[in-house]
Amino acid sequence: MSKFLPLWPDQASTMAGQVDALYIYLLLVAGVMTAIIFLAVTMLAIKYRRVPGREAHPIEGSTILEITWSIIPFFVMLTFFIWGAVIFFKERTPPADSTEVYVVAKQWMWKIEHMEGQREINELHVPIGQNIKLIMTSQDVIHSFFVPAFRIKQDVLPGRYTTLWFKATVPGRYHLFCAEYCGTQHSGMGGDIVVMEPQDYAQWMAGGPSAPLQETGKQLFTQLGCSTCHRFDVQGRGPNLTGIYNKPVLLEDGRTVTADENYVRESILNPTAKIVSGFKPVMPTFQGIVSEEQLNALVAYVKSLNQPPTGTAGLQNQPAASPAQPQNMQVQ
């Protein structure tokens, strides 16, 4: 149908069909409601039109009729909310097996880095049939990552991470837009999502030299002196970071937060914002010292510490944290 009557973009992701079905349902219900109202107004206008010589009589209200035209439309409209909420939570809950990709937006380009270390600008290569989770932030103003063929859109904000996921179903090249006005060249801030067969994607991924993102983060972790305080035992001035990602963190003020990407990011840039229980606020800020790309690498490294050591230098044979030591995450 799209070849001869392109009413909407191609459906190229697992969510596209669900979003389109909800949209068509909204149009159908709106059309039916409009037709019913139009017919009712027309019939009543004809039946109760003014006729010379006929005296008008007041019409008493009908409780049954009023309840009927209130309750039935209420439940019809409620289906919009339920269906939309189901799709919303599906779109906002990345599957556990998703491949993570970091995205940095800036005026006026998209900078993308894969966990394997491959970097792209205004292009994102992905394999067909693989869940892809985008971890996005902005270097300057608010942007919005929008791929019409996938029916996905998410604001990209400065100072924090937002996430988005998709699974491409059709190979091809699909346009990427910025859907938030971001400056004079906003209209030129575009790109492409290139969906490839798995074997072609593997060949593309192996096409150039690159270091895994977590290895880059590990080198930065050492160069910036983080390993001096964040040791892999209980002797450091900062918490042991092994295994703390996505775990609860007990703070000095009694609150408990989750050590997700945004918490790790905030702890690097504003380490005194949330002080971990049992530790002093001695960590300096790295605001203005590390770039967004370096920050992504550091976050990826901290996340990798949840995995068992696989021969990575410096991570093997490290003693586990004492049971008395809180398993907290605060880069201080």
Protein backbone atom coordinates (compact mmCIF):
# COMPACT_ATOMS: atom_id res chain seq x y z
CA MET A 1 0.00 0.00 0.00
CA SER A 2 2.82 2.38 0.84
CA LYS A 3 4.14 2.22 -2.75
CA PHE A 4 0.95 3.53 -4.30
CA LEU A 5 -0.61 5.45 -1.41
CA PRO A 6 2.12 6.43 1.09
CA LEU A 7 -0.09 7.48 4.00
CA TRP A 8 2.62 6.70 6.57
CA PRO A 9 6.33 5.71 6.61
CA ASP A 10 7.56 2.16 6.16
CA GLN A 11 7.19 -0.20 9.11
CA ALA A 12 10.73 -1.28 9.93
CA SER A 13 10.68 -2.19 13.64
CA THR A 14 8.77 -4.47 15.98
CA MET A 15 6.93 -1.49 17.51
CA ALA A 16 5.92 0.18 14.25
CA GLY A 17 2.90 -2.03 13.59
CA GLN A 18 1.61 -1.62 17.16
CA VAL A 19 1.90 2.17 17.00
CA ASP A 20 0.16 2.26 13.62
CA ALA A 21 -2.65 0.01 14.87
CA LEU A 22 -3.32 2.36 17.79
CA TYR A 23 -3.23 5.37 15.47
CA ILE A 24 -5.70 3.77 13.02
CA TYR A 25 -7.96 2.85 15.95
CA LEU A 26 -7.93 6.47 17.15
CA LEU A 27 -8.88 7.67 13.67
CA LEU A 28 -11.69 5.11 13.34
CA VAL A 29 -13.21 5.93 16.73
CA ALA A 30 -12.93 9.67 16.05
CA GLY A 31 -14.57 9.16 12.64
CA VAL A 32 -17.42 7.08 14.07
CA MET A 33 -18.00 9.56 16.90
CA THR A 34 -18.03 12.45 14.46
CA ALA A 35 -20.49 10.66 12.18
CA ILE A 36 -22.83 9.83 15.10
CA ILE A 37 -22.80 13.42 16.34
CA PHE A 38 -23.33 14.82 12.84
CA LEU A 39 -26.26 12.46 12.14
CA ALA A 40 -27.83 13.17 15.54
CA VAL A 41 -27.59 16.93 15.03
CA THR A 42 -29.05 16.64 11.52
CA MET A 43 -31.96 14.39 12.55
CA LEU A 44 -32.83 16.47 15.60
CA ALA A 45 -32.63 19.69 13.59
CA ILE A 46 -35.11 18.25 11.06
CA LYS A 47 -37.46 16.71 13.60
CA TYR A 48 -37.58 19.67 15.95
CA ARG A 49 -37.32 22.44 13.41
CA ARG A 50 -39.46 25.50 13.83
CA VAL A 51 -42.84 25.15 12.10
CA PRO A 52 -45.16 28.16 11.69
CA GLY A 53 -48.32 27.75 13.73
CA ARG A 54 -46.90 25.00 15.93
CA GLU A 55 -46.22 25.92 19.54
CA ALA A 56 -42.95 24.68 21.02
CA HIS A 57 -43.09 22.56 24.18
CA PRO A 58 -40.20 22.06 26.59
CA ILE A 59 -38.68 18.58 26.60
CA GLU A 60 -37.89 16.95 29.93
CA GLY A 61 -34.43 15.40 30.30
CA SER A 62 -33.82 11.66 30.33
CA THR A 63 -31.55 10.33 33.08
CA ILE A 64 -31.08 7.02 31.27
CA LEU A 65 -30.10 8.79 28.05
CA GLU A 66 -27.66 11.10 29.84
CA ILE A 67 -26.01 8.20 31.69
CA THR A 68 -25.77 6.22 28.45
CA TRP A 69 -24.07 8.95 26.45
CA SER A 70 -21.67 9.59 29.34
CA ILE A 71 -20.71 6.02 30.32
CA ILE A 72 -20.29 4.47 26.86
CA PRO A 73 -17.96 7.21 25.50
CA PHE A 74 -16.02 7.10 28.80
CA PHE A 75 -15.19 3.41 28.37
CA VAL A 76 -14.43 3.90 24.69
CA MET A 77 -11.97 6.69 25.52
CA LEU A 78 -10.50 4.59 28.33
CA THR A 79 -9.34 2.07 25.72
CA PHE A 80 -7.12 4.83 24.28
CA PHE A 81 -5.35 5.16 27.61
CA ILE A 82 -4.97 1.41 28.24
CA TRP A 83 -3.69 0.61 24.74
CA GLY A 84 -1.40 3.64 24.72
CA ALA A 85 -0.03 2.81 28.17
CA VAL A 86 0.80 -0.76 27.09
CA ILE A 87 2.75 0.53 24.07
CA PHE A 88 4.42 3.23 26.18
CA PHE A 89 5.76 0.77 28.74
CA LYS A 90 6.94 -1.57 25.99
CA GLU A 91 8.81 1.29 24.32
CA ARG A 92 10.36 2.45 27.63
CA THR A 93 11.49 -0.98 28.87
CA PRO A 94 14.53 -2.25 26.94
CA PRO A 95 14.90 -6.05 26.90
CA ALA A 96 17.66 -7.45 29.09
CA ASP A 97 19.60 -8.75 26.08
CA SER A 98 19.77 -5.37 24.33
CA THR A 99 23.03 -4.26 22.71
CA GLU A 100 23.97 -0.88 24.14
CA VAL A 101 25.04 2.07 21.99
CA TYR A 102 26.01 5.51 23.33
CA VAL A 103 24.74 8.62 21.52
CA VAL A 104 25.94 12.20 22.06
CA ALA A 105 23.92 14.95 20.38
CA LYS A 106 25.43 18.35 19.66
CA GLN A 107 24.69 21.25 17.36
CA TRP A 108 24.27 19.90 14.75
CA MET A 109 25.24 16.26 14.57
CA TRP A 110 24.80 12.84 16.17
CA LYS A 111 27.97 11.25 17.57
CA ILE A 112 27.59 7.51 18.11
CA GLU A 113 29.88 4.97 19.79
CA HIS A 114 29.36 1.22 19.96
CA MET A 115 30.46 -0.86 22.94
CA GLU A 116 33.01 -2.50 20.65
CA GLY A 117 34.59 0.93 20.13
CA GLN A 118 33.41 1.72 16.61
CA ARG A 119 32.45 5.38 16.23
CA GLU A 120 30.08 7.02 13.75
CA ILE A 121 28.75 10.48 12.98
CA ASN A 122 25.16 10.89 11.72
CA GLU A 123 24.94 7.16 11.02
CA LEU A 124 24.10 4.15 13.14
CA HIS A 125 24.73 0.66 11.81
CA VAL A 126 22.68 -2.09 13.47
CA PRO A 127 21.96 -5.76 12.70
CA ILE A 128 18.47 -6.88 11.82
CA GLY A 129 16.62 -8.73 14.57
CA GLN A 130 18.78 -7.45 17.45
CA ASN A 131 17.45 -5.38 20.34
CA ILE A 132 19.35 -2.07 20.41
CA LYS A 133 19.38 0.18 23.49
CA LEU A 134 20.46 3.78 22.95
CA ILE A 135 21.94 5.63 25.94
CA MET A 136 21.76 9.27 24.92
CA THR A 137 22.86 12.67 26.20
CA SER A 138 23.30 16.15 24.76
CA GLN A 139 26.47 18.20 24.72
CA ASP A 140 24.63 21.54 24.49
CA VAL A 141 20.84 22.01 24.15
CA ILE A 142 17.77 19.76 24.05
CA HIS A 143 17.56 17.55 20.95
CA SER A 144 15.16 14.75 20.04
CA PHE A 145 16.07 11.40 18.44
CA PHE A 146 13.31 10.53 15.95
CA VAL A 147 13.18 7.65 13.45
CA PRO A 148 9.76 7.66 11.70
CA ALA A 149 10.17 4.19 10.19
CA PHE A 150 10.71 2.73 13.68
CA ARG A 151 7.97 4.90 15.29
CA ILE A 152 10.35 5.93 18.07
CA LYS A 153 11.19 9.36 19.46
CA GLN A 154 12.98 10.44 22.62
CA ASP A 155 14.23 13.80 23.87
CA VAL A 156 18.00 13.99 24.38
CA LEU A 157 18.84 16.23 27.33
CA PRO A 158 22.01 17.97 28.49
CA GLY A 159 23.32 16.85 31.87
CA ARG A 160 21.69 13.42 32.02
CA TYR A 161 21.03 10.22 30.10
CA THR A 162 17.80 9.21 28.41
CA THR A 163 17.27 5.79 26.85
CA LEU A 164 15.45 4.39 23.85
CA TRP A 165 15.34 0.93 22.29
CA PHE A 166 14.21 -0.72 19.07
CA LYS A 167 14.49 -3.93 17.07
CA ALA A 168 14.80 -3.41 13.32
CA THR A 169 12.94 -5.92 11.14
CA VAL A 170 13.67 -4.84 7.56
CA PRO A 171 17.16 -4.20 6.09
CA GLY A 172 17.65 -0.77 4.61
CA ARG A 173 18.54 2.83 5.32
CA TYR A 174 16.10 4.86 7.42
CA HIS A 175 16.23 8.57 8.07
CA LEU A 176 17.01 9.97 11.50
CA PHE A 177 15.65 13.41 12.45
CA CYS A 178 16.14 15.83 15.29
CA ALA A 179 12.54 16.56 16.30
CA GLU A 180 13.29 19.40 18.73
CA TYR A 181 14.24 22.88 17.50
CA CYS A 182 17.89 23.18 18.52
CA GLY A 183 19.24 26.22 16.70
CA THR A 184 19.72 27.81 13.31
CA GLN A 185 20.78 24.57 11.58
CA HIS A 186 18.18 22.38 13.25
CA SER A 187 16.70 21.27 9.93
CA GLY A 188 20.10 19.95 8.84
CA MET A 189 20.60 17.79 11.93
CA GLY A 190 19.76 14.46 10.38
CA GLY A 191 21.30 11.09 9.76
CA ASP A 192 20.57 7.50 8.86
CA ILE A 193 19.97 4.20 10.62
CA VAL A 194 21.54 1.48 8.47
CA VAL A 195 19.94 -1.92 9.14
CA MET A 196 22.13 -4.80 7.96
CA GLU A 197 22.02 -8.56 7.79
CA PRO A 198 23.96 -10.11 10.72
CA GLN A 199 26.86 -11.30 8.56
CA ASP A 200 27.19 -7.90 6.88
CA TYR A 201 27.04 -6.17 10.24
CA ALA A 202 29.78 -8.42 11.64
CA GLN A 203 31.95 -7.61 8.64
CA TRP A 204 31.32 -3.90 9.06
CA MET A 205 32.09 -4.06 12.78
CA ALA A 206 35.42 -5.74 12.07
CA GLY A 207 36.33 -3.19 9.41
CA GLY A 208 38.51 -0.90 11.50
CA PRO A 209 40.76 -0.88 14.56
CA SER A 210 38.97 0.01 17.77
CA ALA A 211 39.23 -0.58 21.50
CA PRO A 212 36.14 -1.65 23.45
CA LEU A 213 34.48 1.25 25.20
CA GLN A 214 34.98 -0.27 28.63
CA GLU A 215 38.72 -0.64 27.98
CA THR A 216 38.90 3.05 27.10
CA GLY A 217 37.05 3.76 30.33
CA LYS A 218 39.45 1.60 32.30
CA GLN A 219 42.44 3.53 30.96
CA LEU A 220 40.76 6.84 31.86
CA PHE A 221 39.93 5.46 35.29
CA THR A 222 43.64 4.92 35.91
CA GLN A 223 44.86 8.12 34.22
CA LEU A 224 42.48 10.31 36.24
CA GLY A 225 43.63 8.71 39.50
CA CYS A 226 40.26 7.11 40.27
CA SER A 227 41.90 3.77 41.07
CA THR A 228 43.81 5.39 43.96
CA CYS A 229 40.64 5.79 46.02
CA HIS A 230 38.31 3.25 44.40
CA ARG A 231 40.31 0.13 45.11
CA PHE A 232 39.10 -3.43 44.71
CA ASP A 233 39.36 -4.06 48.43
CA VAL A 234 38.08 -2.29 51.55
CA GLN A 235 41.09 -0.02 52.01
CA GLY A 236 40.14 2.79 49.60
CA ARG A 237 38.90 6.24 50.49
CA GLY A 238 36.01 5.66 48.10
CA PRO A 239 33.62 2.73 47.70
CA ASN A 240 34.62 -0.48 45.95
CA LEU A 241 32.86 -0.22 42.58
CA THR A 242 32.81 -3.95 41.83
CA GLY A 243 29.28 -5.19 41.23
CA ILE A 244 27.50 -2.01 42.23
CA TYR A 245 25.84 -1.05 38.94
CA ASN A 246 22.03 -1.08 39.18
CA LYS A 247 22.24 -1.97 42.88
CA PRO A 248 20.75 0.06 45.76
CA VAL A 249 23.02 2.69 47.30
CA LEU A 250 22.65 3.85 50.91
CA LEU A 251 23.40 7.57 51.22
CA GLU A 252 24.68 9.55 54.18
CA ASP A 253 21.30 11.26 54.61
CA GLY A 254 19.50 7.92 54.92
CA ARG A 255 18.07 7.79 51.40
CA THR A 256 18.53 4.83 49.09
CA VAL A 257 19.04 5.31 45.35
CA THR A 258 19.81 2.99 42.45
CA ALA A 259 23.27 3.11 40.87
CA ASP A 260 22.12 3.49 37.26
CA GLU A 261 23.84 5.36 34.42
CA ASN A 262 22.58 8.74 35.60
CA TYR A 263 23.81 8.12 39.14
CA VAL A 264 27.29 7.18 37.93
CA ARG A 265 27.35 10.23 35.68
CA GLU A 266 26.27 12.57 38.47
CA SER A 267 28.80 11.06 40.85
CA ILE A 268 31.61 11.90 38.43
CA LEU A 269 30.49 15.44 37.62
CA ASN A 270 28.95 16.42 40.96
CA PRO A 271 30.32 14.01 43.57
CA THR A 272 28.95 15.90 46.58
CA ALA A 273 25.34 15.68 45.37
CA LYS A 274 24.81 12.23 46.88
CA ILE A 275 27.32 11.15 49.55
CA VAL A 276 27.54 7.42 50.19
CA SER A 277 27.05 6.32 53.76
CA GLY A 278 30.38 5.70 55.51
CA PHE A 279 32.48 7.90 53.19
CA LYS A 280 33.61 11.51 53.26
CA PRO A 281 32.94 14.03 50.44
CA VAL A 282 36.59 14.13 49.38
CA MET A 283 36.26 13.45 45.64
CA PRO A 284 36.93 16.43 43.32
CA THR A 285 34.56 17.21 40.49
CA PHE A 286 35.47 16.23 36.94
CA GLN A 287 33.07 18.76 35.41
CA GLY A 288 34.88 20.37 32.47
CA ILE A 289 37.73 17.86 32.71
CA VAL A 290 36.19 14.88 30.92
CA SER A 291 34.27 15.11 27.65
CA GLU A 292 30.90 13.49 27.04
CA GLU A 293 32.59 10.66 25.15
CA GLN A 294 35.05 10.08 28.01
CA LEU A 295 32.18 10.17 30.47
CA ASN A 296 30.41 7.46 28.46
CA ALA A 297 33.56 5.35 28.57
CA LEU A 298 33.86 5.72 32.35
CA VAL A 299 30.21 4.77 32.80
CA ALA A 300 30.69 1.74 30.55
CA TYR A 301 33.73 0.68 32.60
CA VAL A 302 31.86 0.93 35.90
CA LYS A 303 29.03 -1.12 34.41
CA SER A 304 31.52 -3.75 33.22
CA LEU A 305 32.65 -4.30 36.81
CA ASN A 306 29.39 -6.19 37.37
CA GLN A 307 30.71 -8.93 35.11
CA PRO A 308 33.04 -11.70 36.33
CA PRO A 309 36.71 -11.05 35.38
CA THR A 310 37.69 -12.62 32.06
CA GLY A 311 41.44 -12.03 32.01
CA THR A 312 41.29 -8.24 31.98
CA ALA A 313 44.44 -6.96 33.55
CA GLY A 314 43.97 -5.52 37.00
CA LEU A 315 40.60 -7.17 37.63
CA GLN A 316 41.60 -10.74 38.34
CA ASN A 317 42.15 -12.12 41.81
CA GLN A 318 40.85 -8.98 43.46
CA PRO A 319 39.33 -9.55 46.89
CA ALA A 320 35.60 -9.06 47.18
CA ALA A 321 34.19 -6.33 49.35
CA SER A 322 33.74 -7.19 52.98
CA PRO A 323 30.16 -8.06 53.96
CA ALA A 324 30.31 -5.14 56.38
CA GLN A 325 31.18 -2.75 53.55
CA PRO A 326 28.05 -1.36 51.84
CA GLN A 327 27.88 -2.27 48.16
CA ASN A 328 27.46 1.35 47.17
CA MET A 329 28.31 3.29 44.09
CA GLN A 330 29.63 6.80 44.52
CA VAL A 331 32.61 8.01 42.57
CA GLN A 332 34.13 10.08 45.37
